[in-house]
Amino acid sequence: SGGTPLLFIAVPEGKSVKNRIHLDLQPV
């Protein structure tokens, strides 16, 4: 498909600030 896998990794700290990168979704 040419798509890129999404990988989720456990880290001890929580999210505290705005993402510097994000996904833009377009409904199909």
PDB file of all heavy atoms in Angstrom:
ATOM      1  N   SER A   1       0.821  -1.215   0.000  1.00  0.00           N
ATOM      2  CA  SER A   1       0.000   0.000   0.000  1.00  0.00           C
ATOM      3  C   SER A   1       0.853   1.263   0.000  1.00  0.00           C
ATOM      4  O   SER A   1       0.352   2.347  -0.274  1.00  0.00           O
ATOM      5  CB  SER A   1      -0.907   0.026   1.237  1.00  0.00           C
ATOM      6  OG  SER A   1      -0.128   0.247   2.414  1.00  0.00           O
ATOM      7  N   GLY A   2       2.133   1.100   0.360  1.00  0.00           N
ATOM      8  CA  GLY A   2       2.986   2.273   0.497  1.00  0.00           C
ATOM      9  C   GLY A   2       2.820   2.959   1.824  1.00  0.00           C
ATOM     10  O   GLY A   2       3.474   3.961   2.094  1.00  0.00           O
ATOM     11  N   GLY A   3       1.940   2.444   2.680  1.00  0.00           N
ATOM     12  CA  GLY A   3       1.729   3.027   4.007  1.00  0.00           C
ATOM     13  C   GLY A   3       2.905   2.762   4.926  1.00  0.00           C
ATOM     14  O   GLY A   3       3.706   1.846   4.705  1.00  0.00           O
ATOM     15  N   THR A   4       2.999   3.566   5.969  1.00  0.00           N
ATOM     16  CA  THR A   4       4.080   3.454   6.949  1.00  0.00           C
ATOM     17  C   THR A   4       3.532   2.892   8.251  1.00  0.00           C
ATOM     18  O   THR A   4       2.518   3.400   8.764  1.00  0.00           O
ATOM     19  CB  THR A   4       4.708   4.843   7.194  1.00  0.00           C
ATOM     20  OG1 THR A   4       5.207   5.339   5.954  1.00  0.00           O
ATOM     21  CG2 THR A   4       5.836   4.767   8.198  1.00  0.00           C
ATOM     22  N   PRO A   5       4.151   1.857   8.821  1.00  0.00           N
ATOM     23  CA  PRO A   5       3.676   1.317  10.093  1.00  0.00           C
ATOM     24  C   PRO A   5       3.670   2.371  11.203  1.00  0.00           C
ATOM     25  O   PRO A   5       4.486   3.302  11.213  1.00  0.00           O
ATOM     26  CB  PRO A   5       4.696   0.213  10.420  1.00  0.00           C
ATOM     27  CG  PRO A   5       5.294  -0.149   9.108  1.00  0.00           C
ATOM     28  CD  PRO A   5       5.322   1.133   8.315  1.00  0.00           C
ATOM     29  N   LEU A   6       2.740   2.207  12.131  1.00  0.00           N
ATOM     30  CA  LEU A   6       2.676   3.032  13.334  1.00  0.00           C
ATOM     31  C   LEU A   6       3.148   2.176  14.497  1.00  0.00           C
ATOM     32  O   LEU A   6       2.581   1.122  14.774  1.00  0.00           O
ATOM     33  CB  LEU A   6       1.243   3.515  13.582  1.00  0.00           C
ATOM     34  CG  LEU A   6       0.583   4.270  12.428  1.00  0.00           C
ATOM     35  CD1 LEU A   6      -0.853   4.636  12.789  1.00  0.00           C
ATOM     36  CD2 LEU A   6       1.386   5.504  12.056  1.00  0.00           C
ATOM     37  N   LEU A   7       4.217   2.617  15.157  1.00  0.00           N
ATOM     38  CA  LEU A   7       4.840   1.866  16.240  1.00  0.00           C
ATOM     39  C   LEU A   7       4.582   2.582  17.554  1.00  0.00           C
ATOM     40  O   LEU A   7       4.754   3.802  17.648  1.00  0.00           O
ATOM     41  CB  LEU A   7       6.351   1.756  15.983  1.00  0.00           C
ATOM     42  CG  LEU A   7       7.194   1.031  17.012  1.00  0.00           C
ATOM     43  CD1 LEU A   7       6.755  -0.428  17.162  1.00  0.00           C
ATOM     44  CD2 LEU A   7       8.660   1.115  16.622  1.00  0.00           C
ATOM     45  N   PHE A   8       4.182   1.851  18.576  1.00  0.00           N
ATOM     46  CA  PHE A   8       3.849   2.401  19.886  1.00  0.00           C
ATOM     47  C   PHE A   8       4.785   1.787  20.925  1.00  0.00           C
ATOM     48  O   PHE A   8       4.869   0.565  21.037  1.00  0.00           O
ATOM     49  CB  PHE A   8       2.382   2.118  20.219  1.00  0.00           C
ATOM     50  CG  PHE A   8       1.462   2.707  19.185  1.00  0.00           C
ATOM     51  CD1 PHE A   8       1.154   2.009  18.025  1.00  0.00           C
ATOM     52  CD2 PHE A   8       0.964   3.985  19.340  1.00  0.00           C
ATOM     53  CE1 PHE A   8       0.350   2.573  17.039  1.00  0.00           C
ATOM     54  CE2 PHE A   8       0.164   4.559  18.370  1.00  0.00           C
ATOM     55  CZ  PHE A   8      -0.143   3.850  17.223  1.00  0.00           C
ATOM     56  N   ILE A   9       5.517   2.645  21.636  1.00  0.00           N
ATOM     57  CA  ILE A   9       6.548   2.218  22.579  1.00  0.00           C
ATOM     58  C   ILE A   9       6.214   2.756  23.973  1.00  0.00           C
ATOM     59  O   ILE A   9       5.940   3.958  24.132  1.00  0.00           O
ATOM     60  CB  ILE A   9       7.938   2.764  22.162  1.00  0.00           C
ATOM     61  CG1 ILE A   9       8.291   2.328  20.739  1.00  0.00           C
ATOM     62  CG2 ILE A   9       9.008   2.384  23.154  1.00  0.00           C
ATOM     63  CD1 ILE A   9       8.631   0.882  20.587  1.00  0.00           C
ATOM     64  N   ALA A  10       6.292   1.904  24.979  1.00  0.00           N
ATOM     65  CA  ALA A  10       6.034   2.328  26.354  1.00  0.00           C
ATOM     66  C   ALA A  10       7.170   3.194  26.878  1.00  0.00           C
ATOM     67  O   ALA A  10       8.348   2.857  26.696  1.00  0.00           O
ATOM     68  CB  ALA A  10       5.854   1.109  27.261  1.00  0.00           C
ATOM     69  N   VAL A  11       6.807   4.308  27.491  1.00  0.00           N
ATOM     70  CA  VAL A  11       7.778   5.182  28.164  1.00  0.00           C
ATOM     71  C   VAL A  11       7.205   5.520  29.541  1.00  0.00           C
ATOM     72  O   VAL A  11       5.995   5.520  29.736  1.00  0.00           O
ATOM     73  CB  VAL A  11       8.070   6.470  27.358  1.00  0.00           C
ATOM     74  CG1 VAL A  11       8.711   6.131  26.021  1.00  0.00           C
ATOM     75  CG2 VAL A  11       6.824   7.303  27.158  1.00  0.00           C
ATOM     76  N   PRO A  12       8.068   5.821  30.505  1.00  0.00           N
ATOM     77  CA  PRO A  12       7.576   6.067  31.868  1.00  0.00           C
ATOM     78  C   PRO A  12       6.891   7.428  32.047  1.00  0.00           C
ATOM     79  O   PRO A  12       5.998   7.564  32.878  1.00  0.00           O
ATOM     80  CB  PRO A  12       8.830   5.973  32.733  1.00  0.00           C
ATOM     81  CG  PRO A  12       9.957   6.259  31.802  1.00  0.00           C
ATOM     82  CD  PRO A  12       9.521   5.763  30.451  1.00  0.00           C
ATOM     83  N   GLU A  13       7.325   8.428  31.285  1.00  0.00           N
ATOM     84  CA  GLU A  13       6.762   9.763  31.486  1.00  0.00           C
ATOM     85  C   GLU A  13       5.512   9.974  30.629  1.00  0.00           C
ATOM     86  O   GLU A  13       5.370   9.388  29.560  1.00  0.00           O
ATOM     87  CB  GLU A  13       7.801  10.846  31.177  1.00  0.00           C
ATOM     88  CG  GLU A  13       8.216  10.939  29.726  1.00  0.00           C
ATOM     89  CD  GLU A  13       9.283   9.944  29.297  1.00  0.00           C
ATOM     90  OE1 GLU A  13       9.823   9.194  30.135  1.00  0.00           O
ATOM     91  OE2 GLU A  13       9.573   9.900  28.090  1.00  0.00           O
ATOM     92  N   GLY A  14       4.608  10.829  31.101  1.00  0.00           N
ATOM     93  CA  GLY A  14       3.414  11.171  30.344  1.00  0.00           C
ATOM     94  C   GLY A  14       3.690  12.300  29.369  1.00  0.00           C
ATOM     95  O   GLY A  14       4.726  12.960  29.428  1.00  0.00           O
ATOM     96  N   LYS A  15       2.755  12.530  28.477  1.00  0.00           N
ATOM     97  CA  LYS A  15       2.862  13.628  27.519  1.00  0.00           C
ATOM     98  C   LYS A  15       2.649  14.940  28.265  1.00  0.00           C
ATOM     99  O   LYS A  15       1.737  15.067  29.063  1.00  0.00           O
ATOM    100  CB  LYS A  15       1.805  13.464  26.430  1.00  0.00           C
ATOM    101  CG  LYS A  15       1.881  14.517  25.356  1.00  0.00           C
ATOM    102  CD  LYS A  15       0.867  14.217  24.269  1.00  0.00           C
ATOM    103  CE  LYS A  15       0.872  15.290  23.231  1.00  0.00           C
ATOM    104  NZ  LYS A  15       0.539  16.613  23.718  1.00  0.00           N
ATOM    105  N   SER A  16       3.500  15.937  27.990  1.00  0.00           N
ATOM    106  CA  SER A  16       3.385  17.188  28.741  1.00  0.00           C
ATOM    107  C   SER A  16       3.277  18.435  27.867  1.00  0.00           C
ATOM    108  O   SER A  16       2.889  19.479  28.360  1.00  0.00           O
ATOM    109  CB  SER A  16       4.567  17.342  29.704  1.00  0.00           C
ATOM    110  OG  SER A  16       5.773  17.368  28.979  1.00  0.00           O
ATOM    111  N   VAL A  17       3.630  18.361  26.594  1.00  0.00           N
ATOM    112  CA  VAL A  17       3.556  19.530  25.719  1.00  0.00           C
ATOM    113  C   VAL A  17       2.971  19.121  24.371  1.00  0.00           C
ATOM    114  O   VAL A  17       2.827  17.936  24.074  1.00  0.00           O
ATOM    115  CB  VAL A  17       4.941  20.186  25.499  1.00  0.00           C
ATOM    116  CG1 VAL A  17       5.513  20.700  26.803  1.00  0.00           C
ATOM    117  CG2 VAL A  17       5.907  19.224  24.846  1.00  0.00           C
ATOM    118  N   LYS A  18       2.680  20.105  23.544  1.00  0.00           N
ATOM    119  CA  LYS A  18       2.137  19.866  22.216  1.00  0.00           C
ATOM    120  C   LYS A  18       3.135  19.074  21.378  1.00  0.00           C
ATOM    121  O   LYS A  18       4.336  19.290  21.456  1.00  0.00           O
ATOM    122  CB  LYS A  18       1.845  21.216  21.543  1.00  0.00           C
ATOM    123  CG  LYS A  18       1.200  21.099  20.190  1.00  0.00           C
ATOM    124  CD  LYS A  18       0.967  22.482  19.594  1.00  0.00           C
ATOM    125  CE  LYS A  18       0.272  22.442  18.268  1.00  0.00           C
ATOM    126  NZ  LYS A  18       0.859  21.593  17.257  1.00  0.00           N
ATOM    127  N   ASN A  19       2.602  18.167  20.550  1.00  0.00           N
ATOM    128  CA  ASN A  19       3.447  17.418  19.619  1.00  0.00           C
ATOM    129  C   ASN A  19       4.163  18.378  18.677  1.00  0.00           C
ATOM    130  O   ASN A  19       3.605  19.385  18.270  1.00  0.00           O
ATOM    131  CB  ASN A  19       2.601  16.501  18.729  1.00  0.00           C
ATOM    132  CG  ASN A  19       1.882  15.413  19.471  1.00  0.00           C
ATOM    133  OD1 ASN A  19       1.842  15.371  20.681  1.00  0.00           O
ATOM    134  ND2 ASN A  19       1.284  14.524  18.712  1.00  0.00           N
ATOM    135  N   ARG A  20       5.375  18.061  18.309  1.00  0.00           N
ATOM    136  CA  ARG A  20       6.091  18.826  17.290  1.00  0.00           C
ATOM    137  C   ARG A  20       5.812  18.251  15.904  1.00  0.00           C
ATOM    138  O   ARG A  20       6.165  18.844  14.896  1.00  0.00           O
ATOM    139  CB  ARG A  20       7.595  18.801  17.577  1.00  0.00           C
ATOM    140  CG  ARG A  20       7.998  19.459  18.882  1.00  0.00           C
ATOM    141  CD  ARG A  20       7.732  20.960  18.866  1.00  0.00           C
ATOM    142  NE  ARG A  20       8.402  21.647  17.796  1.00  0.00           N
ATOM    143  CZ  ARG A  20       9.417  22.480  17.938  1.00  0.00           C
ATOM    144  NH1 ARG A  20       9.875  22.759  19.133  1.00  0.00           N
ATOM    145  NH2 ARG A  20       9.963  23.066  16.890  1.00  0.00           N
ATOM    146  N   ILE A  21       5.228  17.083  15.856  1.00  0.00           N
ATOM    147  CA  ILE A  21       4.835  16.449  14.601  1.00  0.00           C
ATOM    148  C   ILE A  21       3.506  15.757  14.874  1.00  0.00           C
ATOM    149  O   ILE A  21       3.253  15.306  15.997  1.00  0.00           O
ATOM    150  CB  ILE A  21       5.913  15.448  14.127  1.00  0.00           C
ATOM    151  CG1 ILE A  21       5.598  14.910  12.743  1.00  0.00           C
ATOM    152  CG2 ILE A  21       6.098  14.327  15.121  1.00  0.00           C
ATOM    153  CD1 ILE A  21       6.733  14.090  12.130  1.00  0.00           C
ATOM    154  N   HIS A  22       2.634  15.734  13.884  1.00  0.00           N
ATOM    155  CA  HIS A  22       1.362  15.038  14.066  1.00  0.00           C
ATOM    156  C   HIS A  22       0.881  14.471  12.742  1.00  0.00           C
ATOM    157  O   HIS A  22       1.403  14.826  11.686  1.00  0.00           O
ATOM    158  CB  HIS A  22       0.304  15.960  14.695  1.00  0.00           C
ATOM    159  CG  HIS A  22      -0.134  17.078  13.805  1.00  0.00           C
ATOM    160  ND1 HIS A  22       0.424  18.330  13.856  1.00  0.00           N
ATOM    161  CD2 HIS A  22      -1.068  17.128  12.825  1.00  0.00           C
ATOM    162  CE1 HIS A  22      -0.154  19.110  12.950  1.00  0.00           C
ATOM    163  NE2 HIS A  22      -1.059  18.405  12.312  1.00  0.00           N
ATOM    164  N   LEU A  23      -0.118  13.605  12.808  1.00  0.00           N
ATOM    165  CA  LEU A  23      -0.693  13.008  11.611  1.00  0.00           C
ATOM    166  C   LEU A  23      -1.881  13.845  11.143  1.00  0.00           C
ATOM    167  O   LEU A  23      -2.661  14.330  11.953  1.00  0.00           O
ATOM    168  CB  LEU A  23      -1.165  11.583  11.904  1.00  0.00           C
ATOM    169  CG  LEU A  23      -0.116  10.605  12.441  1.00  0.00           C
ATOM    170  CD1 LEU A  23      -0.750   9.248  12.715  1.00  0.00           C
ATOM    171  CD2 LEU A  23       1.048  10.472  11.489  1.00  0.00           C
ATOM    172  N   ASP A  24      -2.029  14.001   9.828  1.00  0.00           N
ATOM    173  CA  ASP A  24      -3.211  14.597   9.223  1.00  0.00           C
ATOM    174  C   ASP A  24      -3.967  13.472   8.536  1.00  0.00           C
ATOM    175  O   ASP A  24      -3.413  12.793   7.664  1.00  0.00           O
ATOM    176  CB  ASP A  24      -2.835  15.652   8.183  1.00  0.00           C
ATOM    177  CG  ASP A  24      -2.323  16.945   8.806  1.00  0.00           C
ATOM    178  OD1 ASP A  24      -2.527  17.149  10.021  1.00  0.00           O
ATOM    179  OD2 ASP A  24      -1.733  17.743   8.079  1.00  0.00           O
ATOM    180  N   LEU A  25      -5.214  13.270   8.938  1.00  0.00           N
ATOM    181  CA  LEU A  25      -6.028  12.198   8.379  1.00  0.00           C
ATOM    182  C   LEU A  25      -6.983  12.752   7.332  1.00  0.00           C
ATOM    183  O   LEU A  25      -7.539  13.834   7.505  1.00  0.00           O
ATOM    184  CB  LEU A  25      -6.853  11.521   9.482  1.00  0.00           C
ATOM    185  CG  LEU A  25      -6.083  10.968  10.675  1.00  0.00           C
ATOM    186  CD1 LEU A  25      -7.050  10.350  11.670  1.00  0.00           C
ATOM    187  CD2 LEU A  25      -5.040   9.961  10.231  1.00  0.00           C
ATOM    188  N   GLN A  26      -7.190  11.990   6.269  1.00  0.00           N
ATOM    189  CA  GLN A  26      -8.174  12.329   5.241  1.00  0.00           C
ATOM    190  C   GLN A  26      -9.101  11.130   5.095  1.00  0.00           C
ATOM    191  O   GLN A  26      -8.655  10.037   4.706  1.00  0.00           O
ATOM    192  CB  GLN A  26      -7.494  12.643   3.912  1.00  0.00           C
ATOM    193  CG  GLN A  26      -8.474  13.103   2.855  1.00  0.00           C
ATOM    194  CD  GLN A  26      -7.772  13.410   1.547  1.00  0.00           C
ATOM    195  OE1 GLN A  26      -7.055  12.579   1.015  1.00  0.00           O
ATOM    196  NE2 GLN A  26      -8.002  14.598   1.037  1.00  0.00           N
ATOM    197  N   PRO A  27     -10.374  11.287   5.437  1.00  0.00           N
ATOM    198  CA  PRO A  27     -11.305  10.163   5.314  1.00  0.00           C
ATOM    199  C   PRO A  27     -11.358   9.640   3.881  1.00  0.00           C
ATOM    200  O   PRO A  27     -11.291  10.416   2.926  1.00  0.00           O
ATOM    201  CB  PRO A  27     -12.655  10.754   5.717  1.00  0.00           C
ATOM    202  CG  PRO A  27     -12.352  12.043   6.404  1.00  0.00           C
ATOM    203  CD  PRO A  27     -11.031  12.509   5.897  1.00  0.00           C
ATOM    204  N   VAL A  28     -11.512   8.337   3.740  1.00  0.00           N
ATOM    205  CA  VAL A  28     -11.555   7.705   2.423  1.00  0.00           C
ATOM    206  C   VAL A  28     -13.000   7.547   1.951  1.00  0.00           C
ATOM    207  O   VAL A  28     -13.322   7.873   0.815  1.00  0.00           O
ATOM    208  CB  VAL A  28     -10.853   6.324   2.455  1.00  0.00           C
ATOM    209  CG1 VAL A  28     -11.020   5.583   1.152  1.00  0.00           C
ATOM    210  CG2 VAL A  28      -9.385   6.500   2.815  1.00  0.00           C
TER     211      VAL A  28
END
